Amino acid sequence: MKALEVAAPALARVRSADGTTHFCLWRDRDLWDLHPLTLDDLLRMPLAQIRKTLDSASETRLRADPNVQLLAPAESQEVWAAGVTYLRSREARLEETSQKNIYEHVYESDRPELFFKSAGWRVVPHGGELGVRADSTWDVPEPELAVLSNSRAEVVAYACGNDMSSRSIEGENPLFLPQAKVYDRSCAIGPAAVLAWAVDVTRALIRMTIERDGTTIFAGTSNVADMTREPAKLVGVLYSSYTLPVGAWLLTGTSLVPPQPYTATAGDVVRIAIEGLGELTNRVSTVRHSGAEAKPALAKR
């Protein structure tokens, strides 16, 4: 459980040696089993009830075995993402496409860019393998502040997130965004969900390093304070016309983009750390492509 050695209390999903899954609270370097409560159950509650439930956990729950495997802190939650929320992300989108005006517009628009990223059961945990599409030629990890909200759009927790992206597919045409963003092993969140009222992320430092064959080939830092939109307000927009009965994760955009000619390659190790939230580490692997095509038929003469 070294990956959970963060100062602030956090929610974690773990698997014990016998293969059973447990939903736990990490507090004061102890792991408290919240059974029979699940993350889905917790996020159906209003925030005040969530806080009351967790505040009393060490009095009413049993300590869990600390020798466990970390799972992703997601159950039935959908994962959504916001784009072009930092100046650097706008510049990166402009670099990859010939249709520049749409990204300039999104950066300045009152309406943010929001898109679906992953089902909760697909989220890759700390230590798991991330994927790059076999039919893509330019791929990058994107370190992001991940925000967990309940069914009432109240912010409950934060984590490190990785929004793996095919820049070659999206760069070909912005309408290909879903294929560039949504595929097997394209999203990682972790190592745990640090409770929002126990940590201040408004000026948190974000760090990403990428290692290949034991050598660091990229290292960069940024700051959540550079985000042009408030995370809680992005959450509010997500829920504005969309019901999320067991809450959701929202990735809030990136300001760290490895420059060309870097492209993620199988075997790369990506480490994303956000101040107060721990470090999310994943190895890259290739996602097989079946070779399926749907080319347009020739126009009839």
C-alpha atoms as a PDB file:
ATOM      1  CA  MET A   1       0.000   0.000   0.000  1.00  0.00           C
ATOM      2  CA  LYS A   2       2.960   2.366  -0.417  1.00  0.00           C
ATOM      3  CA  ALA A   3       1.105   4.018  -3.299  1.00  0.00           C
ATOM      4  CA  LEU A   4      -1.494   5.251  -0.786  1.00  0.00           C
ATOM      5  CA  GLU A   5       0.945   6.980   1.499  1.00  0.00           C
ATOM      6  CA  VAL A   6      -0.637  10.399   1.120  1.00  0.00           C
ATOM      7  CA  ALA A   7      -1.206  12.699   4.072  1.00  0.00           C
ATOM      8  CA  ALA A   8      -4.888  13.359   3.423  1.00  0.00           C
ATOM      9  CA  PRO A   9      -7.695  10.803   3.841  1.00  0.00           C
ATOM     10  CA  ALA A  10      -8.610   8.989   0.628  1.00  0.00           C
ATOM     11  CA  LEU A  11     -11.093   6.497  -0.771  1.00  0.00           C
ATOM     12  CA  ALA A  12      -9.623   3.343  -2.262  1.00  0.00           C
ATOM     13  CA  ARG A  13     -10.830   0.173  -3.917  1.00  0.00           C
ATOM     14  CA  VAL A  14      -8.572  -2.794  -3.222  1.00  0.00           C
ATOM     15  CA  ARG A  15      -8.328  -6.514  -3.879  1.00  0.00           C
ATOM     16  CA  SER A  16      -7.195  -8.774  -1.057  1.00  0.00           C
ATOM     17  CA  ALA A  17      -5.103 -11.930  -1.364  1.00  0.00           C
ATOM     18  CA  ASP A  18      -8.245 -14.100  -1.549  1.00  0.00           C
ATOM     19  CA  GLY A  19      -9.470 -12.167  -4.597  1.00  0.00           C
ATOM     20  CA  THR A  20     -12.263 -10.243  -2.900  1.00  0.00           C
ATOM     21  CA  THR A  21     -12.787  -6.546  -3.596  1.00  0.00           C
ATOM     22  CA  HIS A  22     -13.139  -4.030  -0.763  1.00  0.00           C
ATOM     23  CA  PHE A  23     -14.093  -0.350  -0.655  1.00  0.00           C
ATOM     24  CA  CYS A  24     -11.962   1.344   1.987  1.00  0.00           C
ATOM     25  CA  LEU A  25     -11.028   4.610   3.633  1.00  0.00           C
ATOM     26  CA  TRP A  26      -7.316   5.404   3.986  1.00  0.00           C
ATOM     27  CA  ARG A  27      -6.776   7.589   7.047  1.00  0.00           C
ATOM     28  CA  ASP A  28      -3.817   8.110   9.405  1.00  0.00           C
ATOM     29  CA  ARG A  29      -1.913   5.340   7.610  1.00  0.00           C
ATOM     30  CA  ASP A  30      -4.648   2.817   8.360  1.00  0.00           C
ATOM     31  CA  LEU A  31      -7.035   1.208   5.905  1.00  0.00           C
ATOM     32  CA  TRP A  32     -10.634   0.991   7.114  1.00  0.00           C
ATOM     33  CA  ASP A  33     -13.019  -1.447   5.391  1.00  0.00           C
ATOM     34  CA  LEU A  34     -16.307   0.327   4.548  1.00  0.00           C
ATOM     35  CA  HIS A  35     -18.242  -2.891   3.786  1.00  0.00           C
ATOM     36  CA  PRO A  36     -21.110  -3.172   2.971  1.00  0.00           C
ATOM     37  CA  LEU A  37     -20.881   0.378   1.622  1.00  0.00           C
ATOM     38  CA  THR A  38     -19.740   0.749  -1.984  1.00  0.00           C
ATOM     39  CA  LEU A  39     -18.484   3.772  -3.888  1.00  0.00           C
ATOM     40  CA  ASP A  40     -21.775   3.792  -5.812  1.00  0.00           C
ATOM     41  CA  ASP A  41     -23.685   3.860  -2.506  1.00  0.00           C
ATOM     42  CA  LEU A  42     -21.555   6.673  -1.137  1.00  0.00           C
ATOM     43  CA  LEU A  43     -21.941   8.888  -4.194  1.00  0.00           C
ATOM     44  CA  ARG A  44     -25.734   8.638  -4.082  1.00  0.00           C
ATOM     45  CA  MET A  45     -25.589  10.575  -0.795  1.00  0.00           C
ATOM     46  CA  PRO A  46     -25.479  14.374  -0.401  1.00  0.00           C
ATOM     47  CA  LEU A  47     -22.054  15.711   0.529  1.00  0.00           C
ATOM     48  CA  ALA A  48     -22.951  16.390   4.182  1.00  0.00           C
ATOM     49  CA  GLN A  49     -24.001  12.764   4.648  1.00  0.00           C
ATOM     50  CA  ILE A  50     -20.842  11.525   2.903  1.00  0.00           C
ATOM     51  CA  ARG A  51     -18.682  13.522   5.298  1.00  0.00           C
ATOM     52  CA  LYS A  52     -20.606  12.288   8.345  1.00  0.00           C
ATOM     53  CA  THR A  53     -20.338   8.677   7.174  1.00  0.00           C
ATOM     54  CA  LEU A  54     -16.595   8.876   6.582  1.00  0.00           C
ATOM     55  CA  ASP A  55     -15.829  10.901   9.725  1.00  0.00           C
ATOM     56  CA  SER A  56     -17.193   8.054  11.857  1.00  0.00           C
ATOM     57  CA  ALA A  57     -15.559   5.249   9.841  1.00  0.00           C
ATOM     58  CA  SER A  58     -12.663   4.650  12.240  1.00  0.00           C
ATOM     59  CA  GLU A  59     -15.165   4.211  15.097  1.00  0.00           C
ATOM     60  CA  THR A  60     -17.599   1.860  13.378  1.00  0.00           C
ATOM     61  CA  ARG A  61     -15.474  -0.083  10.859  1.00  0.00           C
ATOM     62  CA  LEU A  62     -12.792  -2.730  10.954  1.00  0.00           C
ATOM     63  CA  ARG A  63      -9.197  -2.218   9.897  1.00  0.00           C
ATOM     64  CA  ALA A  64      -8.472  -3.831   6.540  1.00  0.00           C
ATOM     65  CA  ASP A  65      -5.386  -5.828   5.609  1.00  0.00           C
ATOM     66  CA  PRO A  66      -2.837  -3.297   4.255  1.00  0.00           C
ATOM     67  CA  ASN A  67      -1.225  -5.941   2.017  1.00  0.00           C
ATOM     68  CA  VAL A  68      -3.638  -5.495  -0.843  1.00  0.00           C
ATOM     69  CA  GLN A  69      -3.669  -4.656  -4.550  1.00  0.00           C
ATOM     70  CA  LEU A  70      -4.909  -1.225  -5.541  1.00  0.00           C
ATOM     71  CA  LEU A  71      -7.809  -1.074  -7.986  1.00  0.00           C
ATOM     72  CA  ALA A  72      -9.074   1.991  -9.835  1.00  0.00           C
ATOM     73  CA  PRO A  73     -11.246   4.228  -7.620  1.00  0.00           C
ATOM     74  CA  ALA A  74     -14.292   3.820  -9.867  1.00  0.00           C
ATOM     75  CA  GLU A  75     -17.312   1.523  -9.977  1.00  0.00           C
ATOM     76  CA  SER A  76     -20.352   2.479 -12.086  1.00  0.00           C
ATOM     77  CA  GLN A  77     -19.196   6.073 -12.518  1.00  0.00           C
ATOM     78  CA  GLU A  78     -18.781   7.417 -16.029  1.00  0.00           C
ATOM     79  CA  VAL A  79     -15.561   9.260 -16.782  1.00  0.00           C
ATOM     80  CA  TRP A  80     -15.810  12.507 -18.738  1.00  0.00           C
ATOM     81  CA  ALA A  81     -13.125  14.958 -19.758  1.00  0.00           C
ATOM     82  CA  ALA A  82     -12.768  18.660 -20.446  1.00  0.00           C
ATOM     83  CA  GLY A  83     -10.535  19.959 -23.207  1.00  0.00           C
ATOM     84  CA  VAL A  84      -8.605  23.161 -23.929  1.00  0.00           C
ATOM     85  CA  THR A  85      -8.708  24.398 -20.338  1.00  0.00           C
ATOM     86  CA  TYR A  86      -5.045  25.493 -20.290  1.00  0.00           C
ATOM     87  CA  LEU A  87      -3.170  27.722 -22.723  1.00  0.00           C
ATOM     88  CA  ARG A  88      -0.723  24.873 -23.446  1.00  0.00           C
ATOM     89  CA  SER A  89      -3.538  22.487 -24.360  1.00  0.00           C
ATOM     90  CA  ARG A  90      -4.865  25.042 -26.834  1.00  0.00           C
ATOM     91  CA  GLU A  91      -1.409  25.350 -28.387  1.00  0.00           C
ATOM     92  CA  ALA A  92      -1.050  21.567 -28.575  1.00  0.00           C
ATOM     93  CA  ARG A  93      -4.373  21.216 -30.374  1.00  0.00           C
ATOM     94  CA  LEU A  94      -3.336  23.944 -32.815  1.00  0.00           C
ATOM     95  CA  GLU A  95      -0.091  22.097 -33.521  1.00  0.00           C
ATOM     96  CA  GLU A  96      -1.837  18.870 -34.437  1.00  0.00           C
ATOM     97  CA  THR A  97      -4.560  20.187 -36.749  1.00  0.00           C
ATOM     98  CA  SER A  98      -5.036  22.365 -39.806  1.00  0.00           C
ATOM     99  CA  GLN A  99      -8.460  23.491 -38.503  1.00  0.00           C
ATOM    100  CA  LYS A 100      -7.078  25.919 -35.943  1.00  0.00           C
ATOM    101  CA  ASN A 101      -9.986  28.275 -35.422  1.00  0.00           C
ATOM    102  CA  ILE A 102     -12.194  25.749 -33.623  1.00  0.00           C
ATOM    103  CA  TYR A 103      -9.661  25.261 -30.803  1.00  0.00           C
ATOM    104  CA  GLU A 104      -9.061  28.982 -30.432  1.00  0.00           C
ATOM    105  CA  HIS A 105     -12.830  29.402 -30.149  1.00  0.00           C
ATOM    106  CA  VAL A 106     -13.164  26.680 -27.468  1.00  0.00           C
ATOM    107  CA  TYR A 107     -10.405  28.231 -25.352  1.00  0.00           C
ATOM    108  CA  GLU A 108     -12.237  31.581 -25.279  1.00  0.00           C
ATOM    109  CA  SER A 109     -15.839  30.328 -25.397  1.00  0.00           C
ATOM    110  CA  ASP A 110     -18.278  30.549 -22.488  1.00  0.00           C
ATOM    111  CA  ARG A 111     -19.171  26.908 -23.190  1.00  0.00           C
ATOM    112  CA  PRO A 112     -16.388  24.401 -22.321  1.00  0.00           C
ATOM    113  CA  GLU A 113     -15.497  21.333 -24.342  1.00  0.00           C
ATOM    114  CA  LEU A 114     -16.737  18.180 -22.574  1.00  0.00           C
ATOM    115  CA  PHE A 115     -16.540  14.651 -23.947  1.00  0.00           C
ATOM    116  CA  PHE A 116     -17.076  11.096 -22.757  1.00  0.00           C
ATOM    117  CA  LYS A 117     -13.859   9.267 -21.909  1.00  0.00           C
ATOM    118  CA  SER A 118     -14.522   5.907 -20.262  1.00  0.00           C
ATOM    119  CA  ALA A 119     -16.894   3.657 -18.362  1.00  0.00           C
ATOM    120  CA  GLY A 120     -15.819   3.208 -14.749  1.00  0.00           C
ATOM    121  CA  TRP A 121     -15.133  -0.504 -15.106  1.00  0.00           C
ATOM    122  CA  ARG A 122     -12.640   0.231 -17.887  1.00  0.00           C
ATOM    123  CA  VAL A 123     -10.464   2.627 -15.849  1.00  0.00           C
ATOM    124  CA  VAL A 124      -6.850   1.489 -15.481  1.00  0.00           C
ATOM    125  CA  PRO A 125      -5.510   1.587 -11.884  1.00  0.00           C
ATOM    126  CA  HIS A 126      -2.133   2.625 -10.554  1.00  0.00           C
ATOM    127  CA  GLY A 127       0.346  -0.004 -11.731  1.00  0.00           C
ATOM    128  CA  GLY A 128      -1.873  -1.162 -14.609  1.00  0.00           C
ATOM    129  CA  GLU A 129      -1.098  -1.071 -18.324  1.00  0.00           C
ATOM    130  CA  LEU A 130      -2.171   1.917 -20.410  1.00  0.00           C
ATOM    131  CA  GLY A 131      -2.803   1.526 -24.125  1.00  0.00           C
ATOM    132  CA  VAL A 132      -1.930   3.153 -27.429  1.00  0.00           C
ATOM    133  CA  ARG A 133      -3.868   2.297 -30.567  1.00  0.00           C
ATOM    134  CA  ALA A 134      -2.060   0.167 -33.113  1.00  0.00           C
ATOM    135  CA  ASP A 135      -3.601   2.254 -35.934  1.00  0.00           C
ATOM    136  CA  SER A 136      -2.239   5.547 -34.547  1.00  0.00           C
ATOM    137  CA  THR A 137       1.132   7.090 -35.357  1.00  0.00           C
ATOM    138  CA  TRP A 138       1.307   9.842 -32.719  1.00  0.00           C
ATOM    139  CA  ASP A 139       0.203   9.197 -29.137  1.00  0.00           C
ATOM    140  CA  VAL A 140       0.719  11.093 -25.890  1.00  0.00           C
ATOM    141  CA  PRO A 141      -0.161  10.724 -22.206  1.00  0.00           C
ATOM    142  CA  GLU A 142      -1.986  13.716 -20.756  1.00  0.00           C
ATOM    143  CA  PRO A 143      -1.672  14.352 -16.985  1.00  0.00           C
ATOM    144  CA  GLU A 144      -4.843  15.843 -15.524  1.00  0.00           C
ATOM    145  CA  LEU A 145      -6.499  16.678 -12.239  1.00  0.00           C
ATOM    146  CA  ALA A 146      -9.368  14.179 -11.916  1.00  0.00           C
ATOM    147  CA  VAL A 147     -12.429  15.346  -9.968  1.00  0.00           C
ATOM    148  CA  LEU A 148     -14.923  12.931  -8.383  1.00  0.00           C
ATOM    149  CA  SER A 149     -18.445  14.253  -7.815  1.00  0.00           C
ATOM    150  CA  ASN A 150     -21.574  12.765  -6.281  1.00  0.00           C
ATOM    151  CA  SER A 151     -25.070  12.503  -7.778  1.00  0.00           C
ATOM    152  CA  ARG A 152     -25.729  16.135  -6.839  1.00  0.00           C
ATOM    153  CA  ALA A 153     -22.676  17.521  -8.683  1.00  0.00           C
ATOM    154  CA  GLU A 154     -20.867  18.197  -5.386  1.00  0.00           C
ATOM    155  CA  VAL A 155     -17.097  17.678  -5.459  1.00  0.00           C
ATOM    156  CA  VAL A 156     -16.127  14.736  -3.233  1.00  0.00           C
ATOM    157  CA  ALA A 157     -12.519  13.863  -4.084  1.00  0.00           C
ATOM    158  CA  TYR A 158      -9.530  14.356  -6.375  1.00  0.00           C
ATOM    159  CA  ALA A 159      -6.978  12.051  -8.002  1.00  0.00           C
ATOM    160  CA  CYS A 160      -4.307  11.973 -10.675  1.00  0.00           C
ATOM    161  CA  GLY A 161      -5.626  11.189 -14.140  1.00  0.00           C
ATOM    162  CA  ASN A 162      -4.102  10.174 -17.461  1.00  0.00           C
ATOM    163  CA  ASP A 163      -6.108  10.894 -20.615  1.00  0.00           C
ATOM    164  CA  MET A 164      -4.183   8.896 -23.230  1.00  0.00           C
ATOM    165  CA  SER A 165      -4.766  10.401 -26.667  1.00  0.00           C
ATOM    166  CA  SER A 166      -4.071   9.702 -30.325  1.00  0.00           C
ATOM    167  CA  ARG A 167      -3.041  13.067 -31.683  1.00  0.00           C
ATOM    168  CA  SER A 168      -2.655  11.687 -35.205  1.00  0.00           C
ATOM    169  CA  ILE A 169      -6.292  10.526 -35.333  1.00  0.00           C
ATOM    170  CA  GLU A 170      -7.761  13.691 -33.838  1.00  0.00           C
ATOM    171  CA  GLY A 171      -5.427  15.852 -35.900  1.00  0.00           C
ATOM    172  CA  GLU A 172      -6.732  14.327 -39.107  1.00  0.00           C
ATOM    173  CA  ASN A 173     -10.233  15.576 -38.315  1.00  0.00           C
ATOM    174  CA  PRO A 174     -11.729  16.904 -35.028  1.00  0.00           C
ATOM    175  CA  LEU A 175     -14.791  14.703 -35.619  1.00  0.00           C
ATOM    176  CA  PHE A 176     -12.540  11.696 -34.989  1.00  0.00           C
ATOM    177  CA  LEU A 177     -12.105  12.825 -31.355  1.00  0.00           C
ATOM    178  CA  PRO A 178     -14.050   9.843 -29.890  1.00  0.00           C
ATOM    179  CA  GLN A 179     -11.748   7.359 -31.653  1.00  0.00           C
ATOM    180  CA  ALA A 180      -8.687   9.329 -30.542  1.00  0.00           C
ATOM    181  CA  LYS A 181      -9.829   9.328 -26.918  1.00  0.00           C
ATOM    182  CA  VAL A 182     -12.018   6.262 -26.309  1.00  0.00           C
ATOM    183  CA  TYR A 183     -10.475   2.821 -26.718  1.00  0.00           C
ATOM    184  CA  ASP A 184      -9.222  -0.007 -24.492  1.00  0.00           C
ATOM    185  CA  ARG A 185      -6.922   1.088 -21.644  1.00  0.00           C
ATOM    186  CA  SER A 186      -7.056   4.766 -22.652  1.00  0.00           C
ATOM    187  CA  CYS A 187      -7.826   6.140 -19.171  1.00  0.00           C
ATOM    188  CA  ALA A 188      -6.053   5.768 -15.829  1.00  0.00           C
ATOM    189  CA  ILE A 189      -7.072   7.282 -12.476  1.00  0.00           C
ATOM    190  CA  GLY A 190      -5.419   6.899  -9.086  1.00  0.00           C
ATOM    191  CA  PRO A 191      -3.776   5.922  -6.952  1.00  0.00           C
ATOM    192  CA  ALA A 192      -6.821   6.776  -4.789  1.00  0.00           C
ATOM    193  CA  ALA A 193      -9.526   9.426  -4.400  1.00  0.00           C
ATOM    194  CA  VAL A 194      -8.267  12.027  -1.907  1.00  0.00           C
ATOM    195  CA  LEU A 195     -11.162  13.665  -0.074  1.00  0.00           C
ATOM    196  CA  ALA A 196     -11.756  17.185  -1.343  1.00  0.00           C
ATOM    197  CA  TRP A 197     -12.253  18.810   2.063  1.00  0.00           C
ATOM    198  CA  ALA A 198      -8.892  17.464   3.261  1.00  0.00           C
ATOM    199  CA  VAL A 199      -6.659  18.866   0.515  1.00  0.00           C
ATOM    200  CA  ASP A 200      -6.235  22.166  -1.344  1.00  0.00           C
ATOM    201  CA  VAL A 201      -5.493  21.613  -5.032  1.00  0.00           C
ATOM    202  CA  THR A 202      -6.065  25.156  -6.266  1.00  0.00           C
ATOM    203  CA  ARG A 203      -2.327  25.728  -6.715  1.00  0.00           C
ATOM    204  CA  ALA A 204      -1.136  22.117  -6.769  1.00  0.00           C
ATOM    205  CA  LEU A 205       1.966  21.289  -8.770  1.00  0.00           C
ATOM    206  CA  ILE A 206       1.506  18.690 -11.527  1.00  0.00           C
ATOM    207  CA  ARG A 207       4.518  16.646 -12.581  1.00  0.00           C
ATOM    208  CA  MET A 208       4.914  14.095 -15.367  1.00  0.00           C
ATOM    209  CA  THR A 209       7.948  12.003 -16.242  1.00  0.00           C
ATOM    210  CA  ILE A 210       8.256   9.430 -19.001  1.00  0.00           C
ATOM    211  CA  GLU A 211      10.892   6.709 -18.891  1.00  0.00           C
ATOM    212  CA  ARG A 212      12.042   4.488 -21.736  1.00  0.00           C
ATOM    213  CA  ASP A 213      14.502   1.653 -21.175  1.00  0.00           C
ATOM    214  CA  GLY A 214      15.347   3.073 -17.756  1.00  0.00           C
ATOM    215  CA  THR A 215      16.105   6.585 -19.053  1.00  0.00           C
ATOM    216  CA  THR A 216      13.942   9.674 -18.484  1.00  0.00           C
ATOM    217  CA  ILE A 217      13.021  11.023 -21.906  1.00  0.00           C
ATOM    218  CA  PHE A 218      10.523  13.648 -20.740  1.00  0.00           C
ATOM    219  CA  ALA A 219      10.045  15.568 -17.505  1.00  0.00           C
ATOM    220  CA  GLY A 220       7.769  18.543 -17.059  1.00  0.00           C
ATOM    221  CA  THR A 221       5.753  20.457 -14.474  1.00  0.00           C
ATOM    222  CA  SER A 222       2.717  22.694 -14.469  1.00  0.00           C
ATOM    223  CA  ASN A 223       0.225  24.038 -11.960  1.00  0.00           C
ATOM    224  CA  VAL A 224      -3.520  23.621 -11.468  1.00  0.00           C
ATOM    225  CA  ALA A 225      -3.636  27.397 -10.937  1.00  0.00           C
ATOM    226  CA  ASP A 226      -2.975  27.851 -14.661  1.00  0.00           C
ATOM    227  CA  MET A 227      -6.374  26.345 -15.534  1.00  0.00           C
ATOM    228  CA  THR A 228      -8.685  28.905 -17.117  1.00  0.00           C
ATOM    229  CA  ARG A 229     -11.884  27.285 -15.809  1.00  0.00           C
ATOM    230  CA  GLU A 230     -12.741  26.270 -12.241  1.00  0.00           C
ATOM    231  CA  PRO A 231     -13.013  22.470 -11.774  1.00  0.00           C
ATOM    232  CA  ALA A 232     -16.230  22.715  -9.745  1.00  0.00           C
ATOM    233  CA  LYS A 233     -17.851  24.825 -12.454  1.00  0.00           C
ATOM    234  CA  LEU A 234     -16.846  22.288 -15.115  1.00  0.00           C
ATOM    235  CA  VAL A 235     -18.556  19.639 -12.991  1.00  0.00           C
ATOM    236  CA  GLY A 236     -21.665  21.823 -12.852  1.00  0.00           C
ATOM    237  CA  VAL A 237     -21.784  22.092 -16.643  1.00  0.00           C
ATOM    238  CA  LEU A 238     -21.433  18.302 -16.977  1.00  0.00           C
ATOM    239  CA  TYR A 239     -24.529  17.809 -14.794  1.00  0.00           C
ATOM    240  CA  SER A 240     -26.487  20.720 -16.269  1.00  0.00           C
ATOM    241  CA  SER A 241     -28.511  18.580 -18.679  1.00  0.00           C
ATOM    242  CA  TYR A 242     -27.312  15.099 -17.776  1.00  0.00           C
ATOM    243  CA  THR A 243     -28.263  12.919 -14.796  1.00  0.00           C
ATOM    244  CA  LEU A 244     -25.469  10.967 -13.124  1.00  0.00           C
ATOM    245  CA  PRO A 245     -27.116   8.921 -10.344  1.00  0.00           C
ATOM    246  CA  VAL A 246     -23.861   7.458  -8.968  1.00  0.00           C
ATOM    247  CA  GLY A 247     -21.686  10.480  -9.672  1.00  0.00           C
ATOM    248  CA  ALA A 248     -18.843  10.787 -12.156  1.00  0.00           C
ATOM    249  CA  TRP A 249     -15.147  11.400 -12.635  1.00  0.00           C
ATOM    250  CA  LEU A 250     -14.169  14.442 -14.675  1.00  0.00           C
ATOM    251  CA  LEU A 251     -10.679  14.906 -16.128  1.00  0.00           C
ATOM    252  CA  THR A 252     -10.121  18.655 -16.221  1.00  0.00           C
ATOM    253  CA  GLY A 253      -7.611  19.126 -19.044  1.00  0.00           C
ATOM    254  CA  THR A 254      -3.852  19.120 -19.432  1.00  0.00           C
ATOM    255  CA  SER A 255      -1.069  21.664 -19.611  1.00  0.00           C
ATOM    256  CA  LEU A 256       1.778  19.168 -20.052  1.00  0.00           C
ATOM    257  CA  VAL A 257       2.189  17.795 -23.581  1.00  0.00           C
ATOM    258  CA  PRO A 258       5.451  16.075 -24.613  1.00  0.00           C
ATOM    259  CA  PRO A 259       6.796  17.836 -27.717  1.00  0.00           C
ATOM    260  CA  GLN A 260       7.399  16.149 -31.032  1.00  0.00           C
ATOM    261  CA  PRO A 261       8.953  13.844 -32.054  1.00  0.00           C
ATOM    262  CA  TYR A 262       7.879  11.994 -28.895  1.00  0.00           C
ATOM    263  CA  THR A 263       5.154   9.390 -29.314  1.00  0.00           C
ATOM    264  CA  ALA A 264       4.180   6.888 -26.636  1.00  0.00           C
ATOM    265  CA  THR A 265       5.644   3.445 -27.290  1.00  0.00           C
ATOM    266  CA  ALA A 266       5.006   0.065 -25.682  1.00  0.00           C
ATOM    267  CA  GLY A 267       7.244  -0.226 -22.628  1.00  0.00           C
ATOM    268  CA  ASP A 268       7.278   3.485 -21.733  1.00  0.00           C
ATOM    269  CA  VAL A 269       6.610   4.164 -18.043  1.00  0.00           C
ATOM    270  CA  VAL A 270       4.477   7.237 -17.334  1.00  0.00           C
ATOM    271  CA  ARG A 271       4.512   8.788 -13.869  1.00  0.00           C
ATOM    272  CA  ILE A 272       1.987  11.496 -12.998  1.00  0.00           C
ATOM    273  CA  ALA A 273       2.111  13.191  -9.591  1.00  0.00           C
ATOM    274  CA  ILE A 274      -0.099  15.974  -8.245  1.00  0.00           C
ATOM    275  CA  GLU A 275       0.747  17.679  -4.966  1.00  0.00           C
ATOM    276  CA  GLY A 276      -1.235  16.068  -2.156  1.00  0.00           C
ATOM    277  CA  LEU A 277      -2.715  13.338  -4.367  1.00  0.00           C
ATOM    278  CA  GLY A 278       0.148  10.859  -4.690  1.00  0.00           C
ATOM    279  CA  GLU A 279       1.635   9.408  -7.861  1.00  0.00           C
ATOM    280  CA  LEU A 280      -0.060   7.442 -10.645  1.00  0.00           C
ATOM    281  CA  THR A 281       2.351   5.125 -12.478  1.00  0.00           C
ATOM    282  CA  ASN A 282       1.536   3.069 -15.574  1.00  0.00           C
ATOM    283  CA  ARG A 283       3.381   1.182 -18.287  1.00  0.00           C
ATOM    284  CA  VAL A 284       2.339   1.634 -21.919  1.00  0.00           C
ATOM    285  CA  SER A 285       1.296  -1.296 -24.121  1.00  0.00           C
ATOM    286  CA  THR A 286      -0.209  -1.590 -27.598  1.00  0.00           C
ATOM    287  CA  VAL A 287      -3.961  -2.029 -28.100  1.00  0.00           C
ATOM    288  CA  ARG A 288      -4.560  -4.418 -30.973  1.00  0.00           C
ATOM    289  CA  HIS A 289      -6.526  -3.157 -33.994  1.00  0.00           C
ATOM    290  CA  SER A 290      -8.664  -5.664 -35.865  1.00  0.00           C
ATOM    291  CA  GLY A 291      -8.084  -4.027 -39.240  1.00  0.00           C
ATOM    292  CA  ALA A 292     -11.797  -3.267 -39.629  1.00  0.00           C
ATOM    293  CA  GLU A 293     -12.636  -0.558 -42.159  1.00  0.00           C
ATOM    294  CA  ALA A 294     -15.788   1.260 -43.270  1.00  0.00           C
ATOM    295  CA  LYS A 295     -14.686   3.100 -46.392  1.00  0.00           C
ATOM    296  CA  PRO A 296     -17.305   5.022 -48.377  1.00  0.00           C
ATOM    297  CA  ALA A 297     -18.658   3.322 -51.442  1.00  0.00           C
ATOM    298  CA  LEU A 298     -17.741   4.852 -54.809  1.00  0.00           C
ATOM    299  CA  ALA A 299     -20.353   7.276 -56.067  1.00  0.00           C
ATOM    300  CA  LYS A 300     -22.747   5.655 -58.519  1.00  0.00           C
ATOM    301  CA  ARG A 301     -22.438   6.883 -62.068  1.00  0.00           C
END
